[in-house]
Amino acid sequence: MHSFDEYRKFVNNHLTDLIGDPGEEASELADAMRYSLEVGGKRLRPALLLASSEFAGGSMDEALPYALALEYIHTYSLIHDDLPAMDNDDLRRGKPTNHKVFGEAMAILAGDGLLSTAAEIVTGQPLEYSSDAAKMRNHIRAAHEIMSRAGAAGMIAGQTADIKGEKLEPTADLIRFIELHKTADLITAPVRAGLMLSGADDDMLERFTLYARNIGVAFQILDDILDIEGDQALLGKTLGKDAEQGKCNYAFVHGLEAAKKELHRLTAEAKEALAPYGDEAVFFTELADSLETRDH
């Protein structure tokens, strides 16, 4: 297996390879799509997919289109999240948000373009393996995993609850729903899809699903903490937005210290899920630790 930096470099080297040419009349669309992809990012989700696929015996080249599709989906969600009707943010990754550069209409279309491109990728890839029924099935499973967790019962359900929650008294159940769907679904998807591409067995899928769900929820809880006490220069986005907009923030309901304890508990449980794999899973356990202590 490779290091996280190697996976990130591989993704960055191919980041816009699958962004098609919409033609001269719509050239601004491609510019807007590329803008938000290229302003930076951790590339956590594509790295997780590549690493999971390799862990189960697959290759990075075969998994790359799905990794890119996930980054396109993630980036589309950020573009739309930043819009005035959603989180109304001026900064993303330290740069002006898409609608500040291209206008609201083009930002909406850029997000739509990234999502539809991702759908084209994951529905087209299985056709490349039509002569191998087992491999084609693996690709179909991976494609469905990604699109369903990004869909109306997955990430979008979480975003909906997040928006609706601004008008509600925050509860532990509502916050957990938002964590599981708004954030954890799109971290669970790459892990499961990567394993599926490589034909992982049910036990491996179960253990890695628990791992991914826990680091996904932990990721959102740390975001909640950082919104209160983070460094805006490091985070590259406006802080204090949760309080300003009445968001369902874990730390608001349970307190900062409880949030930090829960963050640590989830990280420990994530690593414990992979204990049977020992040193073979060191990439994933070290990643869990690094996510717990990230400052941006």
Protein backbone atom coordinates (compact mmCIF):
# COMPACT_ATOMS: atom_id res chain seq x y z
CA MET A 1 0.00 0.00 0.00
CA HIS A 2 0.96 3.62 -0.47
CA SER A 3 1.12 6.56 1.93
CA PHE A 4 -1.66 9.12 2.20
CA ASP A 5 0.51 11.72 0.48
CA GLU A 6 1.12 9.32 -2.41
CA TYR A 7 -2.59 8.70 -2.84
CA ARG A 8 -3.27 12.44 -2.70
CA LYS A 9 -0.59 13.18 -5.27
CA PHE A 10 -1.97 10.47 -7.57
CA VAL A 11 -5.46 11.99 -7.32
CA ASN A 12 -4.20 15.54 -7.84
CA ASN A 13 -2.22 14.48 -10.92
CA HIS A 14 -5.42 13.15 -12.51
CA LEU A 15 -7.96 15.44 -10.83
CA THR A 16 -9.55 16.97 -13.92
CA ASP A 17 -8.88 14.12 -16.36
CA LEU A 18 -12.53 13.15 -16.48
CA ILE A 19 -14.02 16.65 -16.70
CA GLY A 20 -15.41 16.72 -20.21
CA ASP A 21 -15.47 19.63 -22.66
CA PRO A 22 -18.96 21.18 -22.66
CA GLY A 23 -18.13 23.22 -25.76
CA GLU A 24 -17.26 26.83 -26.41
CA GLU A 25 -20.74 28.09 -25.59
CA ALA A 26 -20.52 26.58 -22.10
CA SER A 27 -16.79 27.01 -21.44
CA GLU A 28 -17.44 28.97 -18.24
CA LEU A 29 -19.09 25.87 -16.81
CA ALA A 30 -15.88 23.87 -17.12
CA ASP A 31 -13.92 26.78 -15.64
CA ALA A 32 -16.23 26.91 -12.62
CA MET A 33 -16.07 23.14 -12.11
CA ARG A 34 -12.28 23.13 -12.28
CA TYR A 35 -11.98 26.17 -10.01
CA SER A 36 -13.49 24.44 -7.00
CA LEU A 37 -11.64 21.19 -7.68
CA GLU A 38 -8.27 22.89 -7.95
CA VAL A 39 -8.36 25.32 -4.99
CA GLY A 40 -7.10 22.51 -2.77
CA GLY A 41 -8.44 19.93 -0.38
CA LYS A 42 -7.37 16.97 1.70
CA ARG A 43 -8.51 14.40 -0.93
CA LEU A 44 -9.54 12.23 2.02
CA ARG A 45 -12.37 10.45 0.24
CA PRO A 46 -10.52 9.45 -2.93
CA ALA A 47 -7.50 8.40 -0.86
CA LEU A 48 -9.72 6.18 1.27
CA LEU A 49 -11.17 4.54 -1.84
CA LEU A 50 -7.77 3.90 -3.39
CA ALA A 51 -6.36 2.54 -0.13
CA SER A 52 -9.37 0.29 0.51
CA SER A 53 -9.22 -1.12 -2.99
CA GLU A 54 -5.51 -1.84 -2.65
CA PHE A 55 -5.99 -3.37 0.80
CA ALA A 56 -8.37 -5.93 -0.72
CA GLY A 57 -5.99 -6.69 -3.57
CA GLY A 58 -7.05 -4.24 -6.26
CA SER A 59 -5.12 -1.68 -8.28
CA MET A 60 -5.08 2.12 -8.11
CA ASP A 61 -5.59 2.44 -11.86
CA GLU A 62 -8.82 0.44 -11.76
CA ALA A 63 -10.10 2.33 -8.73
CA LEU A 64 -9.09 5.83 -9.90
CA PRO A 65 -12.29 6.72 -11.82
CA TYR A 66 -14.38 5.99 -8.72
CA ALA A 67 -11.99 8.00 -6.55
CA LEU A 68 -12.32 10.98 -8.89
CA ALA A 69 -16.10 10.59 -8.99
CA LEU A 70 -16.19 10.81 -5.20
CA GLU A 71 -14.09 13.96 -5.19
CA TYR A 72 -16.40 15.47 -7.80
CA ILE A 73 -19.42 14.65 -5.63
CA HIS A 74 -17.76 16.05 -2.51
CA THR A 75 -16.77 19.24 -4.33
CA TYR A 76 -20.26 19.72 -5.78
CA SER A 77 -21.69 19.43 -2.28
CA LEU A 78 -19.32 22.12 -1.00
CA ILE A 79 -20.20 24.49 -3.86
CA HIS A 80 -23.90 24.14 -3.08
CA ASP A 81 -23.34 24.28 0.71
CA ASP A 82 -21.66 27.67 0.33
CA LEU A 83 -24.55 29.25 -1.60
CA PRO A 84 -26.54 32.07 0.05
CA ALA A 85 -29.62 29.84 0.37
CA MET A 86 -27.56 27.25 2.27
CA ASP A 87 -24.61 28.21 4.51
CA ASN A 88 -23.96 31.55 2.76
CA ASP A 89 -20.17 31.42 2.97
CA ASP A 90 -17.58 33.65 1.30
CA LEU A 91 -14.53 31.42 1.84
CA ARG A 92 -13.72 27.81 1.03
CA ARG A 93 -10.20 26.40 1.47
CA GLY A 94 -8.96 29.97 1.95
CA LYS A 95 -10.26 31.14 -1.44
CA PRO A 96 -13.46 32.92 -2.52
CA THR A 97 -16.33 30.47 -2.81
CA ASN A 98 -17.51 29.48 -6.27
CA HIS A 99 -20.53 31.79 -6.35
CA LYS A 100 -18.34 34.74 -5.33
CA VAL A 101 -16.20 34.18 -8.42
CA PHE A 102 -18.70 32.95 -11.01
CA GLY A 103 -22.08 34.08 -9.64
CA GLU A 104 -24.83 32.04 -8.04
CA ALA A 105 -26.34 30.63 -11.23
CA MET A 106 -23.01 29.35 -12.55
CA ALA A 107 -22.10 27.93 -9.13
CA ILE A 108 -25.32 25.93 -9.10
CA LEU A 109 -24.58 24.66 -12.60
CA ALA A 110 -20.97 23.83 -11.68
CA GLY A 111 -22.24 21.69 -8.82
CA ASP A 112 -24.78 20.06 -11.11
CA GLY A 113 -22.03 19.44 -13.66
CA LEU A 114 -19.75 17.76 -11.13
CA LEU A 115 -22.53 15.53 -9.82
CA SER A 116 -23.68 14.47 -13.27
CA THR A 117 -20.09 13.85 -14.36
CA ALA A 118 -19.62 11.58 -11.33
CA ALA A 119 -22.77 9.67 -12.31
CA GLU A 120 -21.50 9.28 -15.87
CA ILE A 121 -18.21 7.90 -14.57
CA VAL A 122 -19.59 5.31 -12.18
CA THR A 123 -22.29 4.09 -14.55
CA GLY A 124 -19.87 3.89 -17.47
CA GLN A 125 -17.05 2.03 -15.74
CA PRO A 126 -18.86 -1.31 -15.28
CA LEU A 127 -19.36 -1.46 -19.05
CA GLU A 128 -15.59 -1.70 -19.45
CA TYR A 129 -15.75 -5.12 -17.76
CA SER A 130 -18.76 -6.60 -19.57
CA SER A 131 -16.73 -9.67 -20.58
CA ASP A 132 -16.04 -10.55 -16.93
CA ALA A 133 -19.32 -11.00 -15.05
CA ALA A 134 -17.78 -11.15 -11.56
CA LYS A 135 -15.69 -8.01 -12.04
CA MET A 136 -18.60 -6.19 -13.67
CA ARG A 137 -20.74 -7.03 -10.64
CA ASN A 138 -18.04 -5.64 -8.33
CA HIS A 139 -18.04 -2.39 -10.30
CA ILE A 140 -21.84 -2.13 -10.27
CA ARG A 141 -21.89 -2.65 -6.51
CA ALA A 142 -19.26 0.07 -6.05
CA ALA A 143 -21.15 2.47 -8.30
CA HIS A 144 -24.41 1.90 -6.42
CA GLU A 145 -22.65 2.31 -3.06
CA ILE A 146 -21.31 5.72 -4.05
CA MET A 147 -24.45 7.12 -5.63
CA SER A 148 -26.83 5.84 -2.94
CA ARG A 149 -24.77 7.26 -0.07
CA ALA A 150 -24.55 10.57 -1.94
CA GLY A 151 -28.29 10.53 -2.61
CA ALA A 152 -31.59 11.49 -1.06
CA ALA A 153 -31.39 8.86 1.70
CA GLY A 154 -27.70 9.58 2.32
CA MET A 155 -25.71 12.82 2.23
CA ILE A 156 -28.63 14.91 0.98
CA ALA A 157 -30.86 13.64 3.80
CA GLY A 158 -28.19 14.81 6.23
CA GLN A 159 -27.95 18.20 4.55
CA THR A 160 -31.72 18.54 4.68
CA ALA A 161 -31.79 17.76 8.39
CA ASP A 162 -28.96 20.25 8.91
CA ILE A 163 -30.95 23.03 7.20
CA LYS A 164 -34.22 22.14 8.92
CA GLY A 165 -32.38 21.88 12.23
CA GLU A 166 -31.66 25.62 12.18
CA LYS A 167 -35.31 26.15 13.14
CA LEU A 168 -35.48 23.36 15.73
CA GLU A 169 -34.22 22.79 19.23
CA PRO A 170 -31.12 20.63 18.73
CA THR A 171 -31.37 17.11 20.13
CA ALA A 172 -28.86 14.28 20.39
CA ASP A 173 -30.87 12.17 17.91
CA LEU A 174 -31.03 14.94 15.32
CA ILE A 175 -27.33 15.65 15.63
CA ARG A 176 -26.45 11.97 15.22
CA PHE A 177 -28.64 11.74 12.10
CA ILE A 178 -26.83 14.74 10.60
CA GLU A 179 -23.42 13.29 11.49
CA LEU A 180 -24.22 9.88 10.01
CA HIS A 181 -25.62 11.19 6.75
CA LYS A 182 -24.28 14.67 6.01
CA THR A 183 -20.70 13.62 6.71
CA ALA A 184 -20.20 9.93 7.51
CA ASP A 185 -22.03 8.58 4.46
CA LEU A 186 -19.53 10.16 2.09
CA ILE A 187 -16.64 8.75 4.15
CA THR A 188 -18.20 5.30 4.41
CA ALA A 189 -18.90 5.20 0.66
CA PRO A 190 -15.27 5.27 -0.53
CA VAL A 191 -14.19 2.61 1.95
CA ARG A 192 -16.98 0.22 1.03
CA ALA A 193 -16.80 0.97 -2.69
CA GLY A 194 -13.04 0.41 -2.75
CA LEU A 195 -13.44 -2.96 -1.04
CA MET A 196 -16.30 -3.91 -3.35
CA LEU A 197 -14.23 -3.17 -6.43
CA SER A 198 -11.70 -5.72 -5.22
CA GLY A 199 -14.22 -8.37 -4.19
CA ALA A 200 -13.73 -8.14 -0.42
CA ASP A 201 -15.61 -10.67 1.69
CA ASP A 202 -18.49 -9.82 4.04
CA ASP A 203 -16.40 -9.86 7.20
CA MET A 204 -13.94 -7.33 5.79
CA LEU A 205 -16.80 -5.15 4.58
CA GLU A 206 -18.45 -5.24 8.00
CA ARG A 207 -15.30 -4.32 9.91
CA PHE A 208 -14.31 -1.53 7.53
CA THR A 209 -17.87 -0.17 7.50
CA LEU A 210 -17.70 0.21 11.28
CA TYR A 211 -14.29 1.85 10.95
CA ALA A 212 -15.48 4.29 8.29
CA ARG A 213 -18.71 5.21 10.04
CA ASN A 214 -16.83 5.98 13.24
CA ILE A 215 -14.17 8.16 11.61
CA GLY A 216 -16.93 9.86 9.61
CA VAL A 217 -18.90 10.83 12.71
CA ALA A 218 -15.65 11.80 14.45
CA PHE A 219 -14.75 14.00 11.48
CA GLN A 220 -18.02 15.95 11.86
CA ILE A 221 -17.66 16.28 15.63
CA LEU A 222 -14.18 17.72 15.18
CA ASP A 223 -15.58 20.12 12.58
CA ASP A 224 -18.09 21.21 15.21
CA ILE A 225 -15.29 21.74 17.72
CA LEU A 226 -13.11 23.63 15.25
CA ASP A 227 -15.99 25.94 14.34
CA ILE A 228 -15.85 27.11 17.95
CA GLU A 229 -12.14 27.14 18.75
CA GLY A 230 -10.30 26.61 15.45
CA ASP A 231 -7.91 28.89 13.57
CA GLN A 232 -9.67 30.54 10.61
CA ALA A 233 -6.40 31.00 8.71
CA LEU A 234 -5.71 27.26 8.92
CA LEU A 235 -9.27 26.18 8.26
CA GLY A 236 -9.69 28.46 5.25
CA LYS A 237 -13.35 29.14 6.00
CA THR A 238 -15.40 31.47 8.18
CA LEU A 239 -15.65 30.35 11.81
CA GLY A 240 -18.57 30.78 14.16
CA LYS A 241 -21.10 30.03 11.41
CA ASP A 242 -22.79 27.28 13.42
CA ALA A 243 -23.68 29.62 16.28
CA GLU A 244 -24.66 32.41 13.89
CA GLN A 245 -27.04 30.17 11.93
CA GLY A 246 -28.31 28.08 14.85
CA LYS A 247 -26.78 24.87 13.50
CA CYS A 248 -27.11 21.55 15.33
CA ASN A 249 -23.55 21.43 16.57
CA TYR A 250 -22.54 18.49 18.83
CA ALA A 251 -20.55 20.75 21.14
CA PHE A 252 -23.50 23.11 21.65
CA VAL A 253 -25.67 20.27 22.95
CA HIS A 254 -23.11 18.21 24.87
CA GLY A 255 -20.37 20.74 25.63
CA LEU A 256 -16.82 21.02 24.31
CA GLU A 257 -15.26 18.56 26.73
CA ALA A 258 -17.89 15.91 26.02
CA ALA A 259 -17.37 16.48 22.29
CA LYS A 260 -13.63 15.89 22.65
CA LYS A 261 -14.23 12.70 24.67
CA GLU A 262 -16.66 11.40 22.05
CA LEU A 263 -14.17 12.22 19.32
CA HIS A 264 -11.55 10.11 21.09
CA ARG A 265 -13.97 7.26 21.78
CA LEU A 266 -15.05 7.03 18.14
CA THR A 267 -11.43 7.05 16.97
CA ALA A 268 -10.55 4.24 19.35
CA GLU A 269 -13.55 2.18 18.23
CA ALA A 270 -12.64 2.72 14.59
CA LYS A 271 -9.15 1.35 15.18
CA GLU A 272 -10.46 -1.53 17.26
CA ALA A 273 -12.68 -2.65 14.38
CA LEU A 274 -9.54 -3.30 12.33
CA ALA A 275 -7.54 -4.96 15.14
CA PRO A 276 -7.70 -8.45 13.53
CA TYR A 277 -5.66 -7.14 10.58
CA GLY A 278 -2.79 -5.98 12.79
CA ASP A 279 -0.01 -4.08 11.05
CA GLU A 280 -1.59 -4.70 7.65
CA ALA A 281 -4.17 -2.01 8.50
CA VAL A 282 -1.64 0.55 9.76
CA PHE A 283 -2.55 3.02 6.99
CA PHE A 284 -6.12 3.15 8.28
CA THR A 285 -5.34 3.25 12.00
CA GLU A 286 -2.74 5.99 11.55
CA LEU A 287 -5.21 7.93 9.41
CA ALA A 288 -7.82 7.70 12.17
CA ASP A 289 -5.30 9.15 14.64
CA SER A 290 -4.34 11.96 12.26
CA LEU A 291 -7.97 12.89 11.69
CA GLU A 292 -8.57 13.08 15.44
CA THR A 293 -5.77 15.62 15.86
CA ARG A 294 -6.18 17.65 12.64
CA ASP A 295 -6.39 21.41 13.06
CA HIS A 296 -8.01 22.23 9.73
